Amino acid sequence: MEVETAEKLGWVKLSKHRKNIVIDLGCDLKIPTEISKSTDLSKSEVSRALRDLKDKNIVVCLNEESHRGRVYALTDEGKKILDYI
């Protein structure tokens, strides 16, 4: 494992919210409302965590230009991190 990936893995594991979202996105592509329901997190918690995960290149929004129904997925690096969780 690369050092950068290991650092991101540690960062994800430090937050139950981030960890649960990564695990949830490992199953399917989802919109924030679906993530909120399946993880029992508020929509604002999901939005904040997704923004942080996106900034670290762990998740990607597949339709960024949409204002509603944004679809999120794990990046290749996000999938590597999921394998270690």
C-alpha atoms as a PDB file:
ATOM      1  CA  MET A   1       0.000   0.000   0.000  1.00  0.00           C
ATOM      2  CA  GLU A   2       1.263   3.456  -0.885  1.00  0.00           C
ATOM      3  CA  VAL A   3       1.923   5.893   1.942  1.00  0.00           C
ATOM      4  CA  GLU A   4      -0.667   8.346   0.624  1.00  0.00           C
ATOM      5  CA  THR A   5      -3.345   5.644   0.497  1.00  0.00           C
ATOM      6  CA  ALA A   6      -2.429   4.521   4.018  1.00  0.00           C
ATOM      7  CA  GLU A   7      -2.785   8.100   5.274  1.00  0.00           C
ATOM      8  CA  LYS A   8      -6.202   8.405   3.634  1.00  0.00           C
ATOM      9  CA  LEU A   9      -7.240   5.048   5.089  1.00  0.00           C
ATOM     10  CA  GLY A  10      -6.340   6.276   8.572  1.00  0.00           C
ATOM     11  CA  TRP A  11      -8.212   9.530   7.939  1.00  0.00           C
ATOM     12  CA  VAL A  12     -11.349   7.620   6.848  1.00  0.00           C
ATOM     13  CA  LYS A  13     -11.169   5.292   9.865  1.00  0.00           C
ATOM     14  CA  LEU A  14     -10.956   8.269  12.248  1.00  0.00           C
ATOM     15  CA  SER A  15     -14.542   9.202  11.392  1.00  0.00           C
ATOM     16  CA  LYS A  16     -17.448   6.797  11.784  1.00  0.00           C
ATOM     17  CA  HIS A  17     -19.411   8.911   9.282  1.00  0.00           C
ATOM     18  CA  ARG A  18     -16.737   8.769   6.573  1.00  0.00           C
ATOM     19  CA  LYS A  19     -16.161   5.065   7.173  1.00  0.00           C
ATOM     20  CA  ASN A  20     -19.874   4.233   6.936  1.00  0.00           C
ATOM     21  CA  ILE A  21     -20.264   6.244   3.731  1.00  0.00           C
ATOM     22  CA  VAL A  22     -17.300   4.509   2.076  1.00  0.00           C
ATOM     23  CA  ILE A  23     -18.742   1.133   3.058  1.00  0.00           C
ATOM     24  CA  ASP A  24     -22.188   2.154   1.804  1.00  0.00           C
ATOM     25  CA  LEU A  25     -20.849   3.337  -1.564  1.00  0.00           C
ATOM     26  CA  GLY A  26     -18.995   0.054  -1.949  1.00  0.00           C
ATOM     27  CA  CYS A  27     -22.348  -1.618  -2.575  1.00  0.00           C
ATOM     28  CA  ASP A  28     -23.780   0.693  -5.227  1.00  0.00           C
ATOM     29  CA  LEU A  29     -23.891   4.161  -6.759  1.00  0.00           C
ATOM     30  CA  LYS A  30     -26.050   6.356  -4.544  1.00  0.00           C
ATOM     31  CA  ILE A  31     -27.478   9.819  -4.079  1.00  0.00           C
ATOM     32  CA  PRO A  32     -27.030  11.576  -0.721  1.00  0.00           C
ATOM     33  CA  THR A  33     -30.618  10.879   0.371  1.00  0.00           C
ATOM     34  CA  GLU A  34     -30.076   7.137  -0.089  1.00  0.00           C
ATOM     35  CA  ILE A  35     -26.792   7.318   1.822  1.00  0.00           C
ATOM     36  CA  SER A  36     -28.531   9.226   4.611  1.00  0.00           C
ATOM     37  CA  LYS A  37     -31.235   6.571   4.927  1.00  0.00           C
ATOM     38  CA  SER A  38     -28.930   3.562   4.820  1.00  0.00           C
ATOM     39  CA  THR A  39     -26.351   4.995   7.256  1.00  0.00           C
ATOM     40  CA  ASP A  40     -28.765   6.756   9.652  1.00  0.00           C
ATOM     41  CA  LEU A  41     -26.852  10.015   9.182  1.00  0.00           C
ATOM     42  CA  SER A  42     -28.471  13.398   8.672  1.00  0.00           C
ATOM     43  CA  LYS A  43     -28.368  14.871   5.178  1.00  0.00           C
ATOM     44  CA  SER A  44     -26.026  17.612   6.379  1.00  0.00           C
ATOM     45  CA  GLU A  45     -23.630  15.040   7.883  1.00  0.00           C
ATOM     46  CA  VAL A  46     -23.666  13.103   4.612  1.00  0.00           C
ATOM     47  CA  SER A  47     -23.092  16.250   2.542  1.00  0.00           C
ATOM     48  CA  ARG A  48     -20.182  17.351   4.703  1.00  0.00           C
ATOM     49  CA  ALA A  49     -18.556  13.905   4.639  1.00  0.00           C
ATOM     50  CA  LEU A  50     -19.050  13.547   0.871  1.00  0.00           C
ATOM     51  CA  ARG A  51     -17.426  16.938   0.289  1.00  0.00           C
ATOM     52  CA  ASP A  52     -14.439  15.925   2.427  1.00  0.00           C
ATOM     53  CA  LEU A  53     -14.170  12.496   0.763  1.00  0.00           C
ATOM     54  CA  LYS A  54     -14.376  14.130  -2.659  1.00  0.00           C
ATOM     55  CA  ASP A  55     -11.606  16.584  -1.749  1.00  0.00           C
ATOM     56  CA  LYS A  56      -9.386  13.600  -0.868  1.00  0.00           C
ATOM     57  CA  ASN A  57     -10.252  11.824  -4.166  1.00  0.00           C
ATOM     58  CA  ILE A  58     -11.956   8.933  -2.365  1.00  0.00           C
ATOM     59  CA  VAL A  59     -15.396   9.533  -3.893  1.00  0.00           C
ATOM     60  CA  VAL A  60     -16.493  11.188  -7.112  1.00  0.00           C
ATOM     61  CA  CYS A  61     -19.741  12.823  -8.155  1.00  0.00           C
ATOM     62  CA  LEU A  62     -20.727  11.393 -11.530  1.00  0.00           C
ATOM     63  CA  ASN A  63     -23.081  14.242 -12.480  1.00  0.00           C
ATOM     64  CA  GLU A  64     -21.550  17.307 -10.818  1.00  0.00           C
ATOM     65  CA  GLU A  65     -23.565  19.799 -12.897  1.00  0.00           C
ATOM     66  CA  SER A  66     -26.882  18.528 -11.498  1.00  0.00           C
ATOM     67  CA  HIS A  67     -28.378  20.429  -8.604  1.00  0.00           C
ATOM     68  CA  ARG A  68     -30.550  17.500  -7.521  1.00  0.00           C
ATOM     69  CA  GLY A  69     -29.966  13.774  -7.659  1.00  0.00           C
ATOM     70  CA  ARG A  70     -26.192  13.886  -7.623  1.00  0.00           C
ATOM     71  CA  VAL A  71     -24.826  10.357  -7.933  1.00  0.00           C
ATOM     72  CA  TYR A  72     -21.706   9.391  -5.969  1.00  0.00           C
ATOM     73  CA  ALA A  73     -19.299   6.507  -6.421  1.00  0.00           C
ATOM     74  CA  LEU A  74     -15.974   5.379  -5.006  1.00  0.00           C
ATOM     75  CA  THR A  75     -12.865   6.239  -6.994  1.00  0.00           C
ATOM     76  CA  ASP A  76     -10.263   3.549  -7.645  1.00  0.00           C
ATOM     77  CA  GLU A  77      -8.428   4.784  -4.560  1.00  0.00           C
ATOM     78  CA  GLY A  78     -11.690   4.712  -2.611  1.00  0.00           C
ATOM     79  CA  LYS A  79     -12.140   1.070  -3.620  1.00  0.00           C
ATOM     80  CA  LYS A  80      -8.625   0.279  -2.359  1.00  0.00           C
ATOM     81  CA  ILE A  81      -9.456   1.930   0.956  1.00  0.00           C
ATOM     82  CA  LEU A  82     -12.710  -0.054   1.172  1.00  0.00           C
ATOM     83  CA  ASP A  83     -10.724  -3.281   0.772  1.00  0.00           C
ATOM     84  CA  TYR A  84      -8.790  -2.427   3.966  1.00  0.00           C
ATOM     85  CA  ILE A  85     -11.760  -1.345   6.080  1.00  0.00           C
END
